[in-house]
PDB file of N, CA and C in Angstrom:
ATOM      1  N   MET A   1       4.161  -7.793 -14.830  1.00  0.00           N
ATOM      2  CA  MET A   1       5.176  -6.777 -15.011  1.00  0.00           C
ATOM      3  C   MET A   1       5.627  -6.289 -13.639  1.00  0.00           C
ATOM      4  N   THR A   2       6.902  -5.990 -13.495  1.00  0.00           N
ATOM      5  CA  THR A   2       7.415  -5.534 -12.209  1.00  0.00           C
ATOM      6  C   THR A   2       8.161  -4.224 -12.367  1.00  0.00           C
ATOM      7  N   THR A   3       8.191  -3.457 -11.303  1.00  0.00           N
ATOM      8  CA  THR A   3       8.919  -2.202 -11.232  1.00  0.00           C
ATOM      9  C   THR A   3       9.705  -2.225  -9.939  1.00  0.00           C
ATOM     10  N   LEU A   4      10.999  -1.937 -10.010  1.00  0.00           N
ATOM     11  CA  LEU A   4      11.870  -2.011  -8.837  1.00  0.00           C
ATOM     12  C   LEU A   4      11.815  -3.394  -8.198  1.00  0.00           C
ATOM     13  N   GLY A   5      11.558  -4.408  -9.009  1.00  0.00           N
ATOM     14  CA  GLY A   5      11.476  -5.755  -8.483  1.00  0.00           C
ATOM     15  C   GLY A   5      10.184  -6.046  -7.743  1.00  0.00           C
ATOM     16  N   LEU A   6       9.193  -5.158  -7.836  1.00  0.00           N
ATOM     17  CA  LEU A   6       7.918  -5.333  -7.137  1.00  0.00           C
ATOM     18  C   LEU A   6       6.809  -5.612  -8.139  1.00  0.00           C
ATOM     19  N   SER A   7       5.871  -6.465  -7.755  1.00  0.00           N
ATOM     20  CA  SER A   7       4.681  -6.652  -8.581  1.00  0.00           C
ATOM     21  C   SER A   7       3.804  -5.415  -8.428  1.00  0.00           C
ATOM     22  N   ALA A   8       2.809  -5.282  -9.292  1.00  0.00           N
ATOM     23  CA  ALA A   8       1.942  -4.099  -9.236  1.00  0.00           C
ATOM     24  C   ALA A   8       1.249  -3.986  -7.887  1.00  0.00           C
ATOM     25  N   ASP A   9       0.747  -5.108  -7.348  1.00  0.00           N
ATOM     26  CA  ASP A   9       0.052  -5.021  -6.063  1.00  0.00           C
ATOM     27  C   ASP A   9       1.002  -4.691  -4.927  1.00  0.00           C
ATOM     28  N   ALA A  10       2.235  -5.188  -4.977  1.00  0.00           N
ATOM     29  CA  ALA A  10       3.215  -4.839  -3.943  1.00  0.00           C
ATOM     30  C   ALA A  10       3.601  -3.368  -4.050  1.00  0.00           C
ATOM     31  N   LEU A  11       3.746  -2.884  -5.269  1.00  0.00           N
ATOM     32  CA  LEU A  11       4.104  -1.483  -5.477  1.00  0.00           C
ATOM     33  C   LEU A  11       3.028  -0.549  -4.948  1.00  0.00           C
ATOM     34  N   LEU A  12       1.762  -0.913  -5.189  1.00  0.00           N
ATOM     35  CA  LEU A  12       0.656  -0.063  -4.755  1.00  0.00           C
ATOM     36  C   LEU A  12       0.441  -0.096  -3.252  1.00  0.00           C
ATOM     37  N   SER A  13       1.014  -1.072  -2.584  1.00  0.00           N
ATOM     38  CA  SER A  13       0.795  -1.183  -1.140  1.00  0.00           C
ATOM     39  C   SER A  13       2.046  -0.878  -0.329  1.00  0.00           C
ATOM     40  N   THR A  14       3.051  -0.278  -0.962  1.00  0.00           N
ATOM     41  CA  THR A  14       4.276   0.070  -0.242  1.00  0.00           C
ATOM     42  C   THR A  14       4.206   1.494   0.293  1.00  0.00           C
ATOM     43  N   THR A  15       5.176   1.837   1.099  1.00  0.00           N
ATOM     44  CA  THR A  15       5.224   3.179   1.683  1.00  0.00           C
ATOM     45  C   THR A  15       5.675   4.206   0.660  1.00  0.00           C
ATOM     46  N   ARG A  16       5.428   5.459   0.964  1.00  0.00           N
ATOM     47  CA  ARG A  16       5.862   6.538   0.069  1.00  0.00           C
ATOM     48  C   ARG A  16       7.373   6.575  -0.060  1.00  0.00           C
ATOM     49  N   ALA A  17       8.092   6.158   0.970  1.00  0.00           N
ATOM     50  CA  ALA A  17       9.550   6.176   0.909  1.00  0.00           C
ATOM     51  C   ALA A  17      10.043   5.312  -0.245  1.00  0.00           C
ATOM     52  N   VAL A  18       9.382   4.204  -0.471  1.00  0.00           N
ATOM     53  CA  VAL A  18       9.762   3.345  -1.586  1.00  0.00           C
ATOM     54  C   VAL A  18       9.326   3.972  -2.895  1.00  0.00           C
ATOM     55  N   ARG A  19       8.120   4.514  -2.943  1.00  0.00           N
ATOM     56  CA  ARG A  19       7.613   5.096  -4.184  1.00  0.00           C
ATOM     57  C   ARG A  19       8.417   6.314  -4.610  1.00  0.00           C
ATOM     58  N   ARG A  20       9.064   7.003  -3.685  1.00  0.00           N
ATOM     59  CA  ARG A  20       9.848   8.189  -4.048  1.00  0.00           C
ATOM     60  C   ARG A  20      10.976   7.852  -5.010  1.00  0.00           C
ATOM     61  N   ARG A  21      11.409   6.619  -5.039  1.00  0.00           N
ATOM     62  CA  ARG A  21      12.517   6.236  -5.906  1.00  0.00           C
ATOM     63  C   ARG A  21      12.077   5.979  -7.333  1.00  0.00           C
ATOM     64  N   LEU A  22      10.795   6.033  -7.597  1.00  0.00           N
ATOM     65  CA  LEU A  22      10.311   5.786  -8.944  1.00  0.00           C
ATOM     66  C   LEU A  22      10.660   6.943  -9.865  1.00  0.00           C
ATOM     67  N   ASP A  23      10.834   6.638 -11.130  1.00  0.00           N
ATOM     68  CA  ASP A  23      11.123   7.650 -12.137  1.00  0.00           C
ATOM     69  C   ASP A  23       9.797   8.076 -12.769  1.00  0.00           C
ATOM     70  N   PHE A  24       9.261   9.207 -12.341  1.00  0.00           N
ATOM     71  CA  PHE A  24       7.958   9.656 -12.824  1.00  0.00           C
ATOM     72  C   PHE A  24       8.007  10.193 -14.251  1.00  0.00           C
ATOM     73  N   GLU A  25       9.194  10.346 -14.802  1.00  0.00           N
ATOM     74  CA  GLU A  25       9.329  10.804 -16.182  1.00  0.00           C
ATOM     75  C   GLU A  25       9.311   9.636 -17.164  1.00  0.00           C
ATOM     76  N   ARG A  26       9.520   8.423 -16.676  1.00  0.00           N
ATOM     77  CA  ARG A  26       9.564   7.249 -17.538  1.00  0.00           C
ATOM     78  C   ARG A  26       8.142   6.843 -17.918  1.00  0.00           C
ATOM     79  N   PRO A  27       7.913   6.539 -19.188  1.00  0.00           N
ATOM     80  CA  PRO A  27       6.573   6.108 -19.605  1.00  0.00           C
ATOM     81  C   PRO A  27       6.176   4.811 -18.896  1.00  0.00           C
ATOM     82  N   VAL A  28       4.892   4.676 -18.625  1.00  0.00           N
ATOM     83  CA  VAL A  28       4.366   3.475 -17.977  1.00  0.00           C
ATOM     84  C   VAL A  28       3.658   2.641 -19.035  1.00  0.00           C
ATOM     85  N   ASP A  29       3.994   1.372 -19.080  1.00  0.00           N
ATOM     86  CA  ASP A  29       3.418   0.451 -20.047  1.00  0.00           C
ATOM     87  C   ASP A  29       1.902   0.345 -19.851  1.00  0.00           C
ATOM     88  N   ASP A  30       1.160   0.296 -20.947  1.00  0.00           N
ATOM     89  CA  ASP A  30      -0.307   0.210 -20.876  1.00  0.00           C
ATOM     90  C   ASP A  30      -0.776  -1.000 -20.072  1.00  0.00           C
ATOM     91  N   ASP A  31      -0.079  -2.122 -20.196  1.00  0.00           N
ATOM     92  CA  ASP A  31      -0.474  -3.320 -19.441  1.00  0.00           C
ATOM     93  C   ASP A  31      -0.351  -3.097 -17.938  1.00  0.00           C
ATOM     94  N   LEU A  32       0.677  -2.366 -17.514  1.00  0.00           N
ATOM     95  CA  LEU A  32       0.844  -2.080 -16.087  1.00  0.00           C
ATOM     96  C   LEU A  32      -0.265  -1.143 -15.595  1.00  0.00           C
ATOM     97  N   ILE A  33      -0.639  -0.180 -16.421  1.00  0.00           N
ATOM     98  CA  ILE A  33      -1.737   0.722 -16.052  1.00  0.00           C
ATOM     99  C   ILE A  33      -3.026  -0.078 -15.877  1.00  0.00           C
ATOM    100  N   ARG A  34      -3.306  -0.970 -16.825  1.00  0.00           N
ATOM    101  CA  ARG A  34      -4.508  -1.812 -16.714  1.00  0.00           C
ATOM    102  C   ARG A  34      -4.471  -2.668 -15.452  1.00  0.00           C
ATOM    103  N   GLU A  35      -3.302  -3.238 -15.165  1.00  0.00           N
ATOM    104  CA  GLU A  35      -3.170  -4.077 -13.975  1.00  0.00           C
ATOM    105  C   GLU A  35      -3.401  -3.262 -12.703  1.00  0.00           C
ATOM    106  N   CYS A  36      -2.868  -2.054 -12.653  1.00  0.00           N
ATOM    107  CA  CYS A  36      -3.075  -1.189 -11.484  1.00  0.00           C
ATOM    108  C   CYS A  36      -4.554  -0.844 -11.319  1.00  0.00           C
ATOM    109  N   LEU A  37      -5.231  -0.570 -12.426  1.00  0.00           N
ATOM    110  CA  LEU A  37      -6.659  -0.258 -12.353  1.00  0.00           C
ATOM    111  C   LEU A  37      -7.470  -1.469 -11.900  1.00  0.00           C
ATOM    112  N   GLU A  38      -7.050  -2.655 -12.307  1.00  0.00           N
ATOM    113  CA  GLU A  38      -7.733  -3.867 -11.846  1.00  0.00           C
ATOM    114  C   GLU A  38      -7.624  -4.005 -10.330  1.00  0.00           C
ATOM    115  N   PHE A  39      -6.463  -3.670  -9.772  1.00  0.00           N
ATOM    116  CA  PHE A  39      -6.309  -3.701  -8.318  1.00  0.00           C
ATOM    117  C   PHE A  39      -7.124  -2.586  -7.667  1.00  0.00           C
ATOM    118  N   ALA A  40      -7.156  -1.422  -8.313  1.00  0.00           N
ATOM    119  CA  ALA A  40      -7.856  -0.276  -7.731  1.00  0.00           C
ATOM    120  C   ALA A  40      -9.351  -0.539  -7.583  1.00  0.00           C
ATOM    121  N   VAL A  41      -9.955  -1.192  -8.555  1.00  0.00           N
ATOM    122  CA  VAL A  41     -11.400  -1.410  -8.483  1.00  0.00           C
ATOM    123  C   VAL A  41     -11.775  -2.467  -7.449  1.00  0.00           C
ATOM    124  N   GLN A  42     -10.792  -3.160  -6.906  1.00  0.00           N
ATOM    125  CA  GLN A  42     -11.061  -4.142  -5.859  1.00  0.00           C
ATOM    126  C   GLN A  42     -11.065  -3.514  -4.468  1.00  0.00           C
ATOM    127  N   ALA A  43     -10.684  -2.247  -4.377  1.00  0.00           N
ATOM    128  CA  ALA A  43     -10.667  -1.564  -3.081  1.00  0.00           C
ATOM    129  C   ALA A  43     -12.099  -1.347  -2.603  1.00  0.00           C
ATOM    130  N   PRO A  44     -12.310  -1.412  -1.300  1.00  0.00           N
ATOM    131  CA  PRO A  44     -13.666  -1.198  -0.784  1.00  0.00           C
ATOM    132  C   PRO A  44     -14.120   0.246  -0.990  1.00  0.00           C
ATOM    133  N   THR A  45     -15.421   0.409  -1.156  1.00  0.00           N
ATOM    134  CA  THR A  45     -16.010   1.741  -1.280  1.00  0.00           C
ATOM    135  C   THR A  45     -17.149   1.862  -0.278  1.00  0.00           C
ATOM    136  N   GLY A  46     -17.453   3.085   0.123  1.00  0.00           N
ATOM    137  CA  GLY A  46     -18.535   3.316   1.070  1.00  0.00           C
ATOM    138  C   GLY A  46     -19.855   2.780   0.545  1.00  0.00           C
ATOM    139  N   SER A  47     -20.506   1.969   1.333  1.00  0.00           N
ATOM    140  CA  SER A  47     -21.786   1.347   0.959  1.00  0.00           C
ATOM    141  C   SER A  47     -21.689   0.561  -0.346  1.00  0.00           C
ATOM    142  N   ASN A  48     -20.479   0.175  -0.701  1.00  0.00           N
ATOM    143  CA  ASN A  48     -20.234  -0.582  -1.938  1.00  0.00           C
ATOM    144  C   ASN A  48     -20.792   0.145  -3.162  1.00  0.00           C
ATOM    145  N   GLN A  49     -20.733   1.480  -3.136  1.00  0.00           N
ATOM    146  CA  GLN A  49     -21.300   2.273  -4.232  1.00  0.00           C
ATOM    147  C   GLN A  49     -20.449   2.228  -5.495  1.00  0.00           C
ATOM    148  N   GLN A  50     -19.162   2.039  -5.350  1.00  0.00           N
ATOM    149  CA  GLN A  50     -18.243   1.950  -6.485  1.00  0.00           C
ATOM    150  C   GLN A  50     -18.425   3.119  -7.453  1.00  0.00           C
ATOM    151  N   GLY A  51     -18.428   4.327  -6.907  1.00  0.00           N
ATOM    152  CA  GLY A  51     -18.649   5.517  -7.721  1.00  0.00           C
ATOM    153  C   GLY A  51     -17.390   6.075  -8.357  1.00  0.00           C
ATOM    154  N   TRP A  52     -16.338   5.279  -8.418  1.00  0.00           N
ATOM    155  CA  TRP A  52     -15.084   5.767  -8.976  1.00  0.00           C
ATOM    156  C   TRP A  52     -15.142   5.798 -10.491  1.00  0.00           C
ATOM    157  N   ARG A  53     -14.333   6.636 -11.063  1.00  0.00           N
ATOM    158  CA  ARG A  53     -14.154   6.712 -12.517  1.00  0.00           C
ATOM    159  C   ARG A  53     -12.667   6.913 -12.761  1.00  0.00           C
ATOM    160  N   PHE A  54     -12.169   6.329 -13.825  1.00  0.00           N
ATOM    161  CA  PHE A  54     -10.760   6.461 -14.167  1.00  0.00           C
ATOM    162  C   PHE A  54     -10.631   6.998 -15.577  1.00  0.00           C
ATOM    163  N   LEU A  55      -9.661   7.849 -15.765  1.00  0.00           N
ATOM    164  CA  LEU A  55      -9.338   8.381 -17.079  1.00  0.00           C
ATOM    165  C   LEU A  55      -7.822   8.331 -17.201  1.00  0.00           C
ATOM    166  N   VAL A  56      -7.333   7.556 -18.139  1.00  0.00           N
ATOM    167  CA  VAL A  56      -5.892   7.434 -18.338  1.00  0.00           C
ATOM    168  C   VAL A  56      -5.492   8.426 -19.419  1.00  0.00           C
ATOM    169  N   VAL A  57      -4.635   9.360 -19.058  1.00  0.00           N
ATOM    170  CA  VAL A  57      -4.184  10.397 -19.988  1.00  0.00           C
ATOM    171  C   VAL A  57      -2.700  10.188 -20.244  1.00  0.00           C
ATOM    172  N   THR A  58      -2.335   9.992 -21.497  1.00  0.00           N
ATOM    173  CA  THR A  58      -0.931   9.768 -21.838  1.00  0.00           C
ATOM    174  C   THR A  58      -0.339  10.914 -22.654  1.00  0.00           C
ATOM    175  N   ASP A  59      -1.166  11.734 -23.249  1.00  0.00           N
ATOM    176  CA  ASP A  59      -0.679  12.847 -24.062  1.00  0.00           C
ATOM    177  C   ASP A  59      -0.101  13.933 -23.152  1.00  0.00           C
ATOM    178  N   PRO A  60       1.171  14.297 -23.335  1.00  0.00           N
ATOM    179  CA  PRO A  60       1.806  15.288 -22.453  1.00  0.00           C
ATOM    180  C   PRO A  60       1.088  16.639 -22.411  1.00  0.00           C
ATOM    181  N   ASP A  61       0.576  17.101 -23.547  1.00  0.00           N
ATOM    182  CA  ASP A  61      -0.124  18.391 -23.568  1.00  0.00           C
ATOM    183  C   ASP A  61      -1.426  18.328 -22.772  1.00  0.00           C
ATOM    184  N   LYS A  62      -2.145  17.229 -22.905  1.00  0.00           N
ATOM    185  CA  LYS A  62      -3.391  17.072 -22.152  1.00  0.00           C
ATOM    186  C   LYS A  62      -3.105  16.924 -20.664  1.00  0.00           C
ATOM    187  N   LYS A  63      -2.020  16.221 -20.317  1.00  0.00           N
ATOM    188  CA  LYS A  63      -1.655  16.093 -18.903  1.00  0.00           C
ATOM    189  C   LYS A  63      -1.310  17.458 -18.319  1.00  0.00           C
ATOM    190  N   ALA A  64      -0.591  18.274 -19.084  1.00  0.00           N
ATOM    191  CA  ALA A  64      -0.234  19.615 -18.609  1.00  0.00           C
ATOM    192  C   ALA A  64      -1.481  20.474 -18.435  1.00  0.00           C
ATOM    193  N   ALA A  65      -2.421  20.372 -19.372  1.00  0.00           N
ATOM    194  CA  ALA A  65      -3.657  21.153 -19.268  1.00  0.00           C
ATOM    195  C   ALA A  65      -4.472  20.715 -18.052  1.00  0.00           C
ATOM    196  N   LEU A  66      -4.561  19.412 -17.814  1.00  0.00           N
ATOM    197  CA  LEU A  66      -5.280  18.914 -16.639  1.00  0.00           C
ATOM    198  C   LEU A  66      -4.594  19.351 -15.350  1.00  0.00           C
ATOM    199  N   ALA A  67      -3.275  19.286 -15.339  1.00  0.00           N
ATOM    200  CA  ALA A  67      -2.531  19.715 -14.151  1.00  0.00           C
ATOM    201  C   ALA A  67      -2.806  21.179 -13.854  1.00  0.00           C
ATOM    202  N   ASP A  68      -2.861  22.002 -14.895  1.00  0.00           N
ATOM    203  CA  ASP A  68      -3.143  23.424 -14.708  1.00  0.00           C
ATOM    204  C   ASP A  68      -4.552  23.637 -14.151  1.00  0.00           C
ATOM    205  N   LEU A  69      -5.519  22.902 -14.671  1.00  0.00           N
ATOM    206  CA  LEU A  69      -6.893  23.017 -14.166  1.00  0.00           C
ATOM    207  C   LEU A  69      -6.973  22.642 -12.689  1.00  0.00           C
ATOM    208  N   TYR A  70      -6.353  21.534 -12.331  1.00  0.00           N
ATOM    209  CA  TYR A  70      -6.388  21.106 -10.930  1.00  0.00           C
ATOM    210  C   TYR A  70      -5.631  22.074 -10.035  1.00  0.00           C
ATOM    211  N   ARG A  71      -4.502  22.578 -10.519  1.00  0.00           N
ATOM    212  CA  ARG A  71      -3.711  23.531  -9.736  1.00  0.00           C
ATOM    213  C   ARG A  71      -4.530  24.786  -9.446  1.00  0.00           C
ATOM    214  N   ARG A  72      -5.213  25.300 -10.476  1.00  0.00           N
ATOM    215  CA  ARG A  72      -6.041  26.492 -10.274  1.00  0.00           C
ATOM    216  C   ARG A  72      -7.199  26.213  -9.333  1.00  0.00           C
ATOM    217  N   GLY A  73      -7.748  25.016  -9.416  1.00  0.00           N
ATOM    218  CA  GLY A  73      -8.843  24.645  -8.526  1.00  0.00           C
ATOM    219  C   GLY A  73      -8.422  24.591  -7.068  1.00  0.00           C
ATOM    220  N   TRP A  74      -7.172  24.227  -6.822  1.00  0.00           N
ATOM    221  CA  TRP A  74      -6.677  24.127  -5.444  1.00  0.00           C
ATOM    222  C   TRP A  74      -6.072  25.430  -4.946  1.00  0.00           C
ATOM    223  N   ASP A  75      -5.888  26.405  -5.827  1.00  0.00           N
ATOM    224  CA  ASP A  75      -5.294  27.682  -5.406  1.00  0.00           C
ATOM    225  C   ASP A  75      -6.101  28.372  -4.316  1.00  0.00           C
ATOM    226  N   VAL A  76      -7.404  28.160  -4.292  1.00  0.00           N
ATOM    227  CA  VAL A  76      -8.237  28.821  -3.288  1.00  0.00           C
ATOM    228  C   VAL A  76      -7.965  28.289  -1.886  1.00  0.00           C
ATOM    229  N   TYR A  77      -7.340  27.137  -1.799  1.00  0.00           N
ATOM    230  CA  TYR A  77      -7.039  26.553  -0.494  1.00  0.00           C
ATOM    231  C   TYR A  77      -5.639  26.904  -0.084  1.00  0.00           C
TER     232      TYR A  77
END
């Protein structure tokens, strides 16, 4: 799957200037999310610990609730 004519790995390795043109309101296909996560788990980790965890949230209400939690957590900074 491609976005803006880029493969998932090319998209993930481009500059922010290119990513700014993306439509963040457009739904992302589940296959593209899986493909991005497959690339993400190939990234190196400190001491090869691979302590990452991923949670894909698609429900708008849950995304808003998570955004609020994170926003409040960062308010102290």
